[in-house]
């Protein structure tokens, strides 16, 4: 089990959920929340990363606000009203905190994000190429005007998207993979057949959680992170 911690975000106090492996140390991974907020599902994913040997930190991008899993309208409002500059600062502050933490080994960090967090995974990789060397986005990626300068990304990317997803269309995901590979990025994006949005979510808020798919993907994702982070 992890715990809530405080860290500095551009001179402003921020919070996050920190999970450390039983060994007491490991490579660092930032975990980026879904649109619900820093809920039990994201904390559980951080705990699972810690069980796999990583020091995982999930910053609270909503600063204490949370939508229940039957409050999709509220979740959408929280996501749309999230100040982009504050989110970027909080994630960057989390990167600095995790990089300097005594439990974190090595200089390279990873990032794993889900839904909204999948989209923000790409943004963090582009904004902090000095630290982020591996990225695992799940069913989320930037679209339209929210896209970063992909040329700045130095991280290897292993993306996992849903076949049936009205939020993040699979055809657009495959176009993004081609775009990243065309500029020389180490990026693979897989659209998983038969899957729906949020297929990894422990809380199963959308009724799309797929345990068989989770059992297949999770070892791939953690092995990928270990390969690039140690």
C-alpha atoms as a PDB file:
ATOM      1  CA  UNK A   1       0.000   0.000   0.000  1.00  0.00           C
ATOM      2  CA  UNK A   2       1.190   3.480  -0.853  1.00  0.00           C
ATOM      3  CA  UNK A   3       0.564   6.797   0.839  1.00  0.00           C
ATOM      4  CA  UNK A   4      -0.307  10.382  -0.003  1.00  0.00           C
ATOM      5  CA  UNK A   5       2.667  12.733  -0.121  1.00  0.00           C
ATOM      6  CA  UNK A   6       3.281  16.430  -0.751  1.00  0.00           C
ATOM      7  CA  UNK A   7       5.620  17.842  -3.351  1.00  0.00           C
ATOM      8  CA  UNK A   8       6.380  21.229  -4.876  1.00  0.00           C
ATOM      9  CA  UNK A   9       4.865  22.143  -8.241  1.00  0.00           C
ATOM     10  CA  UNK A  10       6.353  25.345  -9.622  1.00  0.00           C
ATOM     11  CA  UNK A  11       6.467  26.792  -6.105  1.00  0.00           C
ATOM     12  CA  UNK A  12       2.937  25.624  -5.242  1.00  0.00           C
ATOM     13  CA  UNK A  13       2.097  22.678  -2.991  1.00  0.00           C
ATOM     14  CA  UNK A  14       0.751  19.606  -4.773  1.00  0.00           C
ATOM     15  CA  UNK A  15      -0.099  16.083  -3.666  1.00  0.00           C
ATOM     16  CA  UNK A  16       0.249  12.611  -5.041  1.00  0.00           C
ATOM     17  CA  UNK A  17       0.028   8.922  -4.195  1.00  0.00           C
ATOM     18  CA  UNK A  18       3.432   7.262  -3.765  1.00  0.00           C
ATOM     19  CA  UNK A  19       3.889   3.472  -3.787  1.00  0.00           C
ATOM     20  CA  UNK A  20       7.303   1.914  -3.088  1.00  0.00           C
ATOM     21  CA  UNK A  21       8.227  -1.753  -3.717  1.00  0.00           C
ATOM     22  CA  UNK A  22       8.912  -4.083  -0.803  1.00  0.00           C
ATOM     23  CA  UNK A  23      12.592  -4.046  -1.731  1.00  0.00           C
ATOM     24  CA  UNK A  24      12.614  -0.341  -0.863  1.00  0.00           C
ATOM     25  CA  UNK A  25      13.868   0.873  -4.229  1.00  0.00           C
ATOM     26  CA  UNK A  26      13.359   0.622  -7.966  1.00  0.00           C
ATOM     27  CA  UNK A  27      13.013   2.625 -11.180  1.00  0.00           C
ATOM     28  CA  UNK A  28      10.561   5.496 -11.018  1.00  0.00           C
ATOM     29  CA  UNK A  29       7.259   5.639 -12.926  1.00  0.00           C
ATOM     30  CA  UNK A  30       4.755   8.500 -13.018  1.00  0.00           C
ATOM     31  CA  UNK A  31       1.138   7.287 -13.117  1.00  0.00           C
ATOM     32  CA  UNK A  32      -1.356   9.676 -14.721  1.00  0.00           C
ATOM     33  CA  UNK A  33      -4.996   9.554 -13.690  1.00  0.00           C
ATOM     34  CA  UNK A  34      -8.200   8.979 -15.638  1.00  0.00           C
ATOM     35  CA  UNK A  35     -10.813  11.718 -15.876  1.00  0.00           C
ATOM     36  CA  UNK A  36     -12.351  10.580 -12.567  1.00  0.00           C
ATOM     37  CA  UNK A  37      -9.373  11.940 -10.611  1.00  0.00           C
ATOM     38  CA  UNK A  38      -6.882  10.318  -8.263  1.00  0.00           C
ATOM     39  CA  UNK A  39      -9.291   7.524  -7.334  1.00  0.00           C
ATOM     40  CA  UNK A  40      -8.984   4.019  -5.952  1.00  0.00           C
ATOM     41  CA  UNK A  41      -8.357   2.580  -9.420  1.00  0.00           C
ATOM     42  CA  UNK A  42      -5.309   4.748 -10.103  1.00  0.00           C
ATOM     43  CA  UNK A  43      -3.948   4.118  -6.616  1.00  0.00           C
ATOM     44  CA  UNK A  44      -4.367   0.395  -7.242  1.00  0.00           C
ATOM     45  CA  UNK A  45      -2.424   0.644 -10.505  1.00  0.00           C
ATOM     46  CA  UNK A  46       0.373   2.463  -8.638  1.00  0.00           C
ATOM     47  CA  UNK A  47       0.359  -0.328  -6.048  1.00  0.00           C
ATOM     48  CA  UNK A  48       0.569  -2.913  -8.824  1.00  0.00           C
ATOM     49  CA  UNK A  49       3.562  -1.104 -10.315  1.00  0.00           C
ATOM     50  CA  UNK A  50       5.217  -1.131  -6.890  1.00  0.00           C
ATOM     51  CA  UNK A  51       4.562  -4.879  -6.673  1.00  0.00           C
ATOM     52  CA  UNK A  52       6.345  -5.179 -10.028  1.00  0.00           C
ATOM     53  CA  UNK A  53       9.409  -3.412  -8.622  1.00  0.00           C
ATOM     54  CA  UNK A  54       8.806   0.245  -9.477  1.00  0.00           C
ATOM     55  CA  UNK A  55       8.566   3.387  -7.360  1.00  0.00           C
ATOM     56  CA  UNK A  56       5.241   4.780  -8.598  1.00  0.00           C
ATOM     57  CA  UNK A  57       3.927   8.311  -8.102  1.00  0.00           C
ATOM     58  CA  UNK A  58       0.445   9.406  -9.203  1.00  0.00           C
ATOM     59  CA  UNK A  59       0.057  13.205  -8.942  1.00  0.00           C
ATOM     60  CA  UNK A  60      -3.381  14.530  -8.007  1.00  0.00           C
ATOM     61  CA  UNK A  61      -4.083  16.749 -11.025  1.00  0.00           C
ATOM     62  CA  UNK A  62      -7.527  17.782  -9.742  1.00  0.00           C
ATOM     63  CA  UNK A  63      -6.138  18.974  -6.377  1.00  0.00           C
ATOM     64  CA  UNK A  64      -8.537  16.967  -4.245  1.00  0.00           C
ATOM     65  CA  UNK A  65     -11.596  16.959  -6.501  1.00  0.00           C
ATOM     66  CA  UNK A  66     -13.015  13.607  -7.550  1.00  0.00           C
ATOM     67  CA  UNK A  67     -15.898  12.267  -9.625  1.00  0.00           C
ATOM     68  CA  UNK A  68     -17.687   9.092  -8.576  1.00  0.00           C
ATOM     69  CA  UNK A  69     -17.749   6.343 -11.168  1.00  0.00           C
ATOM     70  CA  UNK A  70     -21.428   7.013 -11.912  1.00  0.00           C
ATOM     71  CA  UNK A  71     -20.782  10.749 -12.441  1.00  0.00           C
ATOM     72  CA  UNK A  72     -19.574  10.873 -16.023  1.00  0.00           C
ATOM     73  CA  UNK A  73     -20.847  14.431 -16.497  1.00  0.00           C
ATOM     74  CA  UNK A  74     -18.844  15.603 -13.489  1.00  0.00           C
ATOM     75  CA  UNK A  75     -15.765  13.730 -14.702  1.00  0.00           C
ATOM     76  CA  UNK A  76     -16.091  15.432 -18.077  1.00  0.00           C
ATOM     77  CA  UNK A  77     -16.408  18.825 -16.406  1.00  0.00           C
ATOM     78  CA  UNK A  78     -13.354  18.201 -14.234  1.00  0.00           C
ATOM     79  CA  UNK A  79     -11.321  17.157 -17.266  1.00  0.00           C
ATOM     80  CA  UNK A  80     -12.410  20.056 -19.466  1.00  0.00           C
ATOM     81  CA  UNK A  81     -11.820  22.614 -16.695  1.00  0.00           C
ATOM     82  CA  UNK A  82      -8.356  21.301 -15.788  1.00  0.00           C
ATOM     83  CA  UNK A  83      -5.928  24.175 -16.486  1.00  0.00           C
ATOM     84  CA  UNK A  84      -3.363  22.777 -18.969  1.00  0.00           C
ATOM     85  CA  UNK A  85      -0.535  24.842 -17.509  1.00  0.00           C
ATOM     86  CA  UNK A  86      -1.264  23.621 -13.975  1.00  0.00           C
ATOM     87  CA  UNK A  87      -1.468  19.995 -15.099  1.00  0.00           C
ATOM     88  CA  UNK A  88       1.848  20.346 -16.918  1.00  0.00           C
ATOM     89  CA  UNK A  89       3.445  21.951 -13.863  1.00  0.00           C
ATOM     90  CA  UNK A  90       2.093  19.276 -11.515  1.00  0.00           C
ATOM     91  CA  UNK A  91       3.359  16.449 -13.709  1.00  0.00           C
ATOM     92  CA  UNK A  92       6.743  18.110 -14.104  1.00  0.00           C
ATOM     93  CA  UNK A  93       6.944  18.677 -10.349  1.00  0.00           C
ATOM     94  CA  UNK A  94       6.121  15.009  -9.814  1.00  0.00           C
ATOM     95  CA  UNK A  95       8.934  14.077 -12.202  1.00  0.00           C
ATOM     96  CA  UNK A  96      11.433  16.158 -10.222  1.00  0.00           C
ATOM     97  CA  UNK A  97      10.210  14.770  -6.898  1.00  0.00           C
ATOM     98  CA  UNK A  98      10.397  11.179  -8.088  1.00  0.00           C
ATOM     99  CA  UNK A  99      13.792  11.636  -9.741  1.00  0.00           C
ATOM    100  CA  UNK A 100      15.217  12.972  -6.470  1.00  0.00           C
ATOM    101  CA  UNK A 101      13.522  10.429  -4.187  1.00  0.00           C
ATOM    102  CA  UNK A 102      15.865   8.180  -2.214  1.00  0.00           C
ATOM    103  CA  UNK A 103      13.969   5.067  -3.321  1.00  0.00           C
ATOM    104  CA  UNK A 104      14.276   5.810  -7.040  1.00  0.00           C
ATOM    105  CA  UNK A 105      17.125   4.076  -8.830  1.00  0.00           C
ATOM    106  CA  UNK A 106      18.655   5.304 -12.066  1.00  0.00           C
ATOM    107  CA  UNK A 107      18.198   8.617 -13.849  1.00  0.00           C
ATOM    108  CA  UNK A 108      15.546   7.519 -16.350  1.00  0.00           C
ATOM    109  CA  UNK A 109      11.844   7.618 -15.443  1.00  0.00           C
ATOM    110  CA  UNK A 110       8.788   6.103 -17.049  1.00  0.00           C
ATOM    111  CA  UNK A 111       5.192   7.265 -17.349  1.00  0.00           C
ATOM    112  CA  UNK A 112       1.991   5.235 -17.550  1.00  0.00           C
ATOM    113  CA  UNK A 113      -1.392   6.857 -18.063  1.00  0.00           C
ATOM    114  CA  UNK A 114      -5.004   5.835 -18.590  1.00  0.00           C
ATOM    115  CA  UNK A 115      -7.750   7.560 -20.608  1.00  0.00           C
ATOM    116  CA  UNK A 116      -7.100  11.289 -20.035  1.00  0.00           C
ATOM    117  CA  UNK A 117      -3.849  10.134 -18.489  1.00  0.00           C
ATOM    118  CA  UNK A 118      -2.959   8.269 -21.668  1.00  0.00           C
ATOM    119  CA  UNK A 119      -3.242  11.540 -23.552  1.00  0.00           C
ATOM    120  CA  UNK A 120      -1.185  13.347 -20.918  1.00  0.00           C
ATOM    121  CA  UNK A 121       1.457  10.604 -21.085  1.00  0.00           C
ATOM    122  CA  UNK A 122       2.433  11.839 -24.554  1.00  0.00           C
ATOM    123  CA  UNK A 123       2.489  15.456 -23.366  1.00  0.00           C
ATOM    124  CA  UNK A 124       4.711  14.665 -20.387  1.00  0.00           C
ATOM    125  CA  UNK A 125       7.105  12.686 -22.581  1.00  0.00           C
ATOM    126  CA  UNK A 126       7.381  15.688 -24.914  1.00  0.00           C
ATOM    127  CA  UNK A 127       7.713  18.227 -22.087  1.00  0.00           C
ATOM    128  CA  UNK A 128      10.268  16.281 -20.031  1.00  0.00           C
ATOM    129  CA  UNK A 129      12.467  14.341 -22.460  1.00  0.00           C
ATOM    130  CA  UNK A 130      15.380  14.885 -20.060  1.00  0.00           C
ATOM    131  CA  UNK A 131      13.853  12.350 -17.653  1.00  0.00           C
ATOM    132  CA  UNK A 132      11.043  10.404 -19.349  1.00  0.00           C
ATOM    133  CA  UNK A 133      12.584   7.517 -21.277  1.00  0.00           C
ATOM    134  CA  UNK A 134       9.663   5.050 -21.421  1.00  0.00           C
ATOM    135  CA  UNK A 135       5.950   5.730 -21.888  1.00  0.00           C
ATOM    136  CA  UNK A 136       2.981   3.363 -21.683  1.00  0.00           C
ATOM    137  CA  UNK A 137      -0.277   5.141 -22.610  1.00  0.00           C
ATOM    138  CA  UNK A 138      -3.574   3.263 -22.326  1.00  0.00           C
ATOM    139  CA  UNK A 139      -6.659   4.181 -24.408  1.00  0.00           C
ATOM    140  CA  UNK A 140      -5.771   7.850 -24.698  1.00  0.00           C
ATOM    141  CA  UNK A 141      -3.684  10.118 -26.928  1.00  0.00           C
ATOM    142  CA  UNK A 142      -3.590  13.790 -27.960  1.00  0.00           C
ATOM    143  CA  UNK A 143      -5.943  14.917 -30.707  1.00  0.00           C
ATOM    144  CA  UNK A 144      -6.536  18.185 -32.530  1.00  0.00           C
ATOM    145  CA  UNK A 145      -5.013  21.265 -30.953  1.00  0.00           C
ATOM    146  CA  UNK A 146      -3.836  19.381 -27.847  1.00  0.00           C
ATOM    147  CA  UNK A 147      -0.983  17.611 -29.663  1.00  0.00           C
ATOM    148  CA  UNK A 148       2.570  18.345 -28.476  1.00  0.00           C
ATOM    149  CA  UNK A 149       5.763  18.610 -30.499  1.00  0.00           C
ATOM    150  CA  UNK A 150       6.348  14.878 -30.953  1.00  0.00           C
ATOM    151  CA  UNK A 151       9.877  15.507 -32.230  1.00  0.00           C
ATOM    152  CA  UNK A 152      10.921  16.321 -28.654  1.00  0.00           C
ATOM    153  CA  UNK A 153      10.018  12.859 -27.336  1.00  0.00           C
ATOM    154  CA  UNK A 154      13.001  10.666 -26.467  1.00  0.00           C
ATOM    155  CA  UNK A 155      11.016   7.961 -24.685  1.00  0.00           C
ATOM    156  CA  UNK A 156      10.273   4.574 -26.156  1.00  0.00           C
ATOM    157  CA  UNK A 157       6.493   4.218 -26.408  1.00  0.00           C
ATOM    158  CA  UNK A 158       4.319   1.128 -25.966  1.00  0.00           C
ATOM    159  CA  UNK A 159       0.697   2.176 -26.424  1.00  0.00           C
ATOM    160  CA  UNK A 160      -2.415   0.075 -25.815  1.00  0.00           C
ATOM    161  CA  UNK A 161      -5.707   1.285 -27.326  1.00  0.00           C
ATOM    162  CA  UNK A 162      -9.260  -0.045 -27.511  1.00  0.00           C
ATOM    163  CA  UNK A 163     -10.982  -1.236 -30.671  1.00  0.00           C
ATOM    164  CA  UNK A 164     -14.379   0.096 -29.571  1.00  0.00           C
ATOM    165  CA  UNK A 165     -13.686   3.612 -28.306  1.00  0.00           C
ATOM    166  CA  UNK A 166     -15.753   6.707 -29.055  1.00  0.00           C
ATOM    167  CA  UNK A 167     -13.320   8.912 -27.129  1.00  0.00           C
ATOM    168  CA  UNK A 168     -10.090   7.884 -28.857  1.00  0.00           C
ATOM    169  CA  UNK A 169     -10.771   6.299 -32.287  1.00  0.00           C
ATOM    170  CA  UNK A 170      -8.506   3.365 -33.205  1.00  0.00           C
ATOM    171  CA  UNK A 171      -7.948   4.687 -36.734  1.00  0.00           C
ATOM    172  CA  UNK A 172      -6.541   7.900 -35.258  1.00  0.00           C
ATOM    173  CA  UNK A 173      -4.329   5.859 -32.934  1.00  0.00           C
ATOM    174  CA  UNK A 174      -2.820   3.998 -35.861  1.00  0.00           C
ATOM    175  CA  UNK A 175      -2.271   7.265 -37.720  1.00  0.00           C
ATOM    176  CA  UNK A 176      -0.383   8.558 -34.677  1.00  0.00           C
ATOM    177  CA  UNK A 177       1.804   5.441 -34.620  1.00  0.00           C
ATOM    178  CA  UNK A 178       2.692   5.997 -38.286  1.00  0.00           C
ATOM    179  CA  UNK A 179       3.429   9.670 -37.607  1.00  0.00           C
ATOM    180  CA  UNK A 180       5.734   8.841 -34.690  1.00  0.00           C
ATOM    181  CA  UNK A 181       7.579   6.134 -36.607  1.00  0.00           C
ATOM    182  CA  UNK A 182       7.963   8.436 -39.619  1.00  0.00           C
ATOM    183  CA  UNK A 183       9.975  10.877 -37.494  1.00  0.00           C
ATOM    184  CA  UNK A 184      12.149   8.104 -36.105  1.00  0.00           C
ATOM    185  CA  UNK A 185      10.498   7.485 -32.743  1.00  0.00           C
ATOM    186  CA  UNK A 186      10.578   4.074 -31.058  1.00  0.00           C
ATOM    187  CA  UNK A 187       6.814   3.739 -30.862  1.00  0.00           C
ATOM    188  CA  UNK A 188       4.351   0.890 -31.147  1.00  0.00           C
ATOM    189  CA  UNK A 189       0.628   1.336 -30.611  1.00  0.00           C
ATOM    190  CA  UNK A 190      -1.587  -1.737 -30.450  1.00  0.00           C
ATOM    191  CA  UNK A 191      -5.355  -1.636 -30.896  1.00  0.00           C
ATOM    192  CA  UNK A 192      -6.639  -4.656 -28.987  1.00  0.00           C
ATOM    193  CA  UNK A 193      -9.330  -6.567 -30.825  1.00  0.00           C
ATOM    194  CA  UNK A 194     -12.703  -6.702 -29.127  1.00  0.00           C
ATOM    195  CA  UNK A 195     -11.717  -4.299 -26.347  1.00  0.00           C
ATOM    196  CA  UNK A 196     -13.629  -1.296 -25.077  1.00  0.00           C
ATOM    197  CA  UNK A 197     -12.392   1.938 -23.520  1.00  0.00           C
ATOM    198  CA  UNK A 198     -11.000   1.475 -19.980  1.00  0.00           C
ATOM    199  CA  UNK A 199     -10.384  -2.253 -20.388  1.00  0.00           C
ATOM    200  CA  UNK A 200      -7.622  -2.154 -17.743  1.00  0.00           C
ATOM    201  CA  UNK A 201      -9.604  -0.251 -15.085  1.00  0.00           C
ATOM    202  CA  UNK A 202      -9.876  -2.140 -11.761  1.00  0.00           C
ATOM    203  CA  UNK A 203     -13.130  -0.351 -10.878  1.00  0.00           C
ATOM    204  CA  UNK A 204     -14.836  -1.402 -14.153  1.00  0.00           C
ATOM    205  CA  UNK A 205     -16.902   1.794 -14.156  1.00  0.00           C
ATOM    206  CA  UNK A 206     -17.831   1.426 -17.835  1.00  0.00           C
ATOM    207  CA  UNK A 207     -18.388  -2.330 -17.731  1.00  0.00           C
ATOM    208  CA  UNK A 208     -15.517  -2.902 -20.169  1.00  0.00           C
ATOM    209  CA  UNK A 209     -12.846  -4.295 -17.847  1.00  0.00           C
ATOM    210  CA  UNK A 210     -11.216  -7.311 -19.500  1.00  0.00           C
ATOM    211  CA  UNK A 211      -9.259  -9.507 -17.100  1.00  0.00           C
ATOM    212  CA  UNK A 212      -7.954 -11.790 -19.835  1.00  0.00           C
ATOM    213  CA  UNK A 213      -6.569  -8.810 -21.721  1.00  0.00           C
ATOM    214  CA  UNK A 214      -5.124  -7.344 -18.518  1.00  0.00           C
ATOM    215  CA  UNK A 215      -3.339 -10.628 -17.802  1.00  0.00           C
ATOM    216  CA  UNK A 216      -1.820 -10.490 -21.294  1.00  0.00           C
ATOM    217  CA  UNK A 217      -0.817  -6.826 -21.361  1.00  0.00           C
ATOM    218  CA  UNK A 218       0.409  -6.164 -17.821  1.00  0.00           C
ATOM    219  CA  UNK A 219       3.518  -8.398 -18.072  1.00  0.00           C
ATOM    220  CA  UNK A 220       4.308  -6.797 -21.441  1.00  0.00           C
ATOM    221  CA  UNK A 221       4.023  -3.290 -20.015  1.00  0.00           C
ATOM    222  CA  UNK A 222       6.118  -3.952 -16.914  1.00  0.00           C
ATOM    223  CA  UNK A 223       8.779  -5.822 -18.917  1.00  0.00           C
ATOM    224  CA  UNK A 224       8.931  -2.860 -21.326  1.00  0.00           C
ATOM    225  CA  UNK A 225       9.412  -0.437 -18.438  1.00  0.00           C
ATOM    226  CA  UNK A 226      12.132  -2.589 -16.879  1.00  0.00           C
ATOM    227  CA  UNK A 227      13.855  -2.897 -20.266  1.00  0.00           C
ATOM    228  CA  UNK A 228      14.163   0.863 -20.632  1.00  0.00           C
ATOM    229  CA  UNK A 229      14.497   1.915 -16.990  1.00  0.00           C
ATOM    230  CA  UNK A 230      16.328  -0.947 -15.332  1.00  0.00           C
END
